[in-house]
Amino acid sequence: MITLTSVEAQNSFGKLLDTVQREAVAITRHGRPTAFVVSPRDMEEILGAKRRRRAAAAEFEEWSASAKSSQTPDQAAAAAALTDEDVVRMVHELR
């Protein structure tokens, strides 16, 4: 990734627009990144990944709520008592 200062980006904006068609450019101010300029294609990929992540999170929340509502109190207590090692062992047994 190319890095330009805000002054460099301002003074060579046309070149910046050409560059972002090939790779993302970080714009810095006082040595810290303040913006990233990406091509429309890259931005669509970023937005698509963001949409997929939101959809997966919503699906997980729905599944989690469904699983909780279908548990008996005894099952909920047993699940709460599981340690990380128990969960890892169970996953390996299922594989």
C-alpha atoms as a PDB file:
ATOM      1  CA  MET A   1       0.000   0.000   0.000  1.00  0.00           C
ATOM      2  CA  ILE A   2       1.254   3.431  -0.901  1.00  0.00           C
ATOM      3  CA  THR A   3       1.231   6.144   1.751  1.00  0.00           C
ATOM      4  CA  LEU A   4       0.973   9.856   0.979  1.00  0.00           C
ATOM      5  CA  THR A   5       0.742  12.860   3.233  1.00  0.00           C
ATOM      6  CA  SER A   6      -2.397  14.938   2.918  1.00  0.00           C
ATOM      7  CA  VAL A   7      -0.354  17.678   1.215  1.00  0.00           C
ATOM      8  CA  GLU A   8       1.075  15.209  -1.327  1.00  0.00           C
ATOM      9  CA  ALA A   9      -2.408  13.841  -2.044  1.00  0.00           C
ATOM     10  CA  GLN A  10      -3.758  17.347  -2.503  1.00  0.00           C
ATOM     11  CA  ASN A  11      -0.928  18.442  -4.799  1.00  0.00           C
ATOM     12  CA  SER A  12      -1.097  15.329  -6.986  1.00  0.00           C
ATOM     13  CA  PHE A  13      -4.776  14.414  -6.883  1.00  0.00           C
ATOM     14  CA  GLY A  14      -4.877  13.243 -10.520  1.00  0.00           C
ATOM     15  CA  LYS A  15      -1.958  10.897  -9.919  1.00  0.00           C
ATOM     16  CA  LEU A  16      -3.664   9.685  -6.725  1.00  0.00           C
ATOM     17  CA  LEU A  17      -6.806   8.787  -8.686  1.00  0.00           C
ATOM     18  CA  ASP A  18      -4.725   6.826 -11.191  1.00  0.00           C
ATOM     19  CA  THR A  19      -2.801   5.033  -8.435  1.00  0.00           C
ATOM     20  CA  VAL A  20      -5.880   3.830  -6.553  1.00  0.00           C
ATOM     21  CA  GLN A  21      -7.001   1.918  -9.627  1.00  0.00           C
ATOM     22  CA  ARG A  22      -4.006  -0.379  -8.986  1.00  0.00           C
ATOM     23  CA  GLU A  23      -3.715  -0.333  -5.176  1.00  0.00           C
ATOM     24  CA  ALA A  24      -5.110   1.354  -2.104  1.00  0.00           C
ATOM     25  CA  VAL A  25      -3.486   4.564  -0.872  1.00  0.00           C
ATOM     26  CA  ALA A  26      -3.248   5.633   2.765  1.00  0.00           C
ATOM     27  CA  ILE A  27      -3.416   9.378   3.403  1.00  0.00           C
ATOM     28  CA  THR A  28      -1.648  10.571   6.535  1.00  0.00           C
ATOM     29  CA  ARG A  29      -1.795  13.742   8.545  1.00  0.00           C
ATOM     30  CA  HIS A  30       0.873  14.399  11.184  1.00  0.00           C
ATOM     31  CA  GLY A  31       2.234  10.901  10.562  1.00  0.00           C
ATOM     32  CA  ARG A  32      -1.050   9.091  11.329  1.00  0.00           C
ATOM     33  CA  PRO A  33      -3.396   7.488   8.792  1.00  0.00           C
ATOM     34  CA  THR A  34      -6.517   9.625   8.390  1.00  0.00           C
ATOM     35  CA  ALA A  35      -8.049   8.168   5.220  1.00  0.00           C
ATOM     36  CA  PHE A  36      -7.731   5.373   2.706  1.00  0.00           C
ATOM     37  CA  VAL A  37      -8.547   5.826  -0.959  1.00  0.00           C
ATOM     38  CA  VAL A  38      -9.590   2.694  -2.843  1.00  0.00           C
ATOM     39  CA  SER A  39     -10.953   1.852  -6.274  1.00  0.00           C
ATOM     40  CA  PRO A  40     -14.693   1.327  -6.761  1.00  0.00           C
ATOM     41  CA  ARG A  41     -14.038  -2.399  -7.277  1.00  0.00           C
ATOM     42  CA  ASP A  42     -12.177  -2.653  -3.967  1.00  0.00           C
ATOM     43  CA  MET A  43     -14.897  -0.674  -2.209  1.00  0.00           C
ATOM     44  CA  GLU A  44     -17.570  -3.056  -3.503  1.00  0.00           C
ATOM     45  CA  GLU A  45     -15.543  -5.986  -2.124  1.00  0.00           C
ATOM     46  CA  ILE A  46     -15.250  -4.253   1.255  1.00  0.00           C
ATOM     47  CA  LEU A  47     -18.969  -3.452   1.378  1.00  0.00           C
ATOM     48  CA  GLY A  48     -19.844  -6.995   0.279  1.00  0.00           C
ATOM     49  CA  ALA A  49     -17.716  -8.475   3.059  1.00  0.00           C
ATOM     50  CA  LYS A  50     -19.357  -6.119   5.534  1.00  0.00           C
ATOM     51  CA  ARG A  51     -22.842  -7.194   4.376  1.00  0.00           C
ATOM     52  CA  ARG A  52     -21.912 -10.883   4.626  1.00  0.00           C
ATOM     53  CA  ARG A  53     -20.502 -10.370   8.130  1.00  0.00           C
ATOM     54  CA  ARG A  54     -23.708  -8.589   9.257  1.00  0.00           C
ATOM     55  CA  ALA A  55     -25.865 -11.340   7.745  1.00  0.00           C
ATOM     56  CA  ALA A  56     -23.796 -14.043   9.461  1.00  0.00           C
ATOM     57  CA  ALA A  57     -24.027 -12.219  12.802  1.00  0.00           C
ATOM     58  CA  ALA A  58     -27.820 -11.891  12.442  1.00  0.00           C
ATOM     59  CA  GLU A  59     -28.102 -15.566  11.526  1.00  0.00           C
ATOM     60  CA  PHE A  60     -26.001 -16.530  14.543  1.00  0.00           C
ATOM     61  CA  GLU A  61     -28.118 -14.351  16.865  1.00  0.00           C
ATOM     62  CA  GLU A  62     -31.272 -15.975  15.518  1.00  0.00           C
ATOM     63  CA  TRP A  63     -29.803 -19.455  15.982  1.00  0.00           C
ATOM     64  CA  SER A  64     -28.574 -18.574  19.478  1.00  0.00           C
ATOM     65  CA  ALA A  65     -31.982 -17.281  20.554  1.00  0.00           C
ATOM     66  CA  SER A  66     -33.644 -20.378  19.131  1.00  0.00           C
ATOM     67  CA  ALA A  67     -31.195 -22.686  20.903  1.00  0.00           C
ATOM     68  CA  LYS A  68     -31.686 -20.898  24.220  1.00  0.00           C
ATOM     69  CA  SER A  69     -35.469 -21.047  23.985  1.00  0.00           C
ATOM     70  CA  SER A  70     -35.455 -24.774  23.273  1.00  0.00           C
ATOM     71  CA  GLN A  71     -33.192 -25.698  26.226  1.00  0.00           C
ATOM     72  CA  THR A  72     -34.577 -27.202  29.381  1.00  0.00           C
ATOM     73  CA  PRO A  73     -33.293 -25.690  32.655  1.00  0.00           C
ATOM     74  CA  ASP A  74     -31.163 -28.807  33.231  1.00  0.00           C
ATOM     75  CA  GLN A  75     -29.575 -28.483  29.771  1.00  0.00           C
ATOM     76  CA  ALA A  76     -28.866 -24.796  30.358  1.00  0.00           C
ATOM     77  CA  ALA A  77     -27.188 -25.570  33.682  1.00  0.00           C
ATOM     78  CA  ALA A  78     -25.116 -28.350  32.110  1.00  0.00           C
ATOM     79  CA  ALA A  79     -24.024 -26.065  29.266  1.00  0.00           C
ATOM     80  CA  ALA A  80     -23.072 -23.287  31.685  1.00  0.00           C
ATOM     81  CA  ALA A  81     -20.901 -25.721  33.634  1.00  0.00           C
ATOM     82  CA  LEU A  82     -18.791 -26.664  30.589  1.00  0.00           C
ATOM     83  CA  THR A  83     -15.185 -25.486  30.600  1.00  0.00           C
ATOM     84  CA  ASP A  84     -13.261 -24.405  27.507  1.00  0.00           C
ATOM     85  CA  GLU A  85     -11.367 -27.692  27.646  1.00  0.00           C
ATOM     86  CA  ASP A  86     -14.666 -29.620  27.667  1.00  0.00           C
ATOM     87  CA  VAL A  87     -15.850 -27.779  24.580  1.00  0.00           C
ATOM     88  CA  VAL A  88     -12.554 -28.339  22.729  1.00  0.00           C
ATOM     89  CA  ARG A  89     -12.607 -32.052  23.634  1.00  0.00           C
ATOM     90  CA  MET A  90     -16.209 -32.394  22.410  1.00  0.00           C
ATOM     91  CA  VAL A  91     -15.415 -30.664  19.121  1.00  0.00           C
ATOM     92  CA  HIS A  92     -12.458 -32.996  18.536  1.00  0.00           C
ATOM     93  CA  GLU A  93     -14.617 -36.024  19.321  1.00  0.00           C
ATOM     94  CA  LEU A  94     -17.164 -34.933  16.730  1.00  0.00           C
ATOM     95  CA  ARG A  95     -14.532 -34.534  14.032  1.00  0.00           C
END
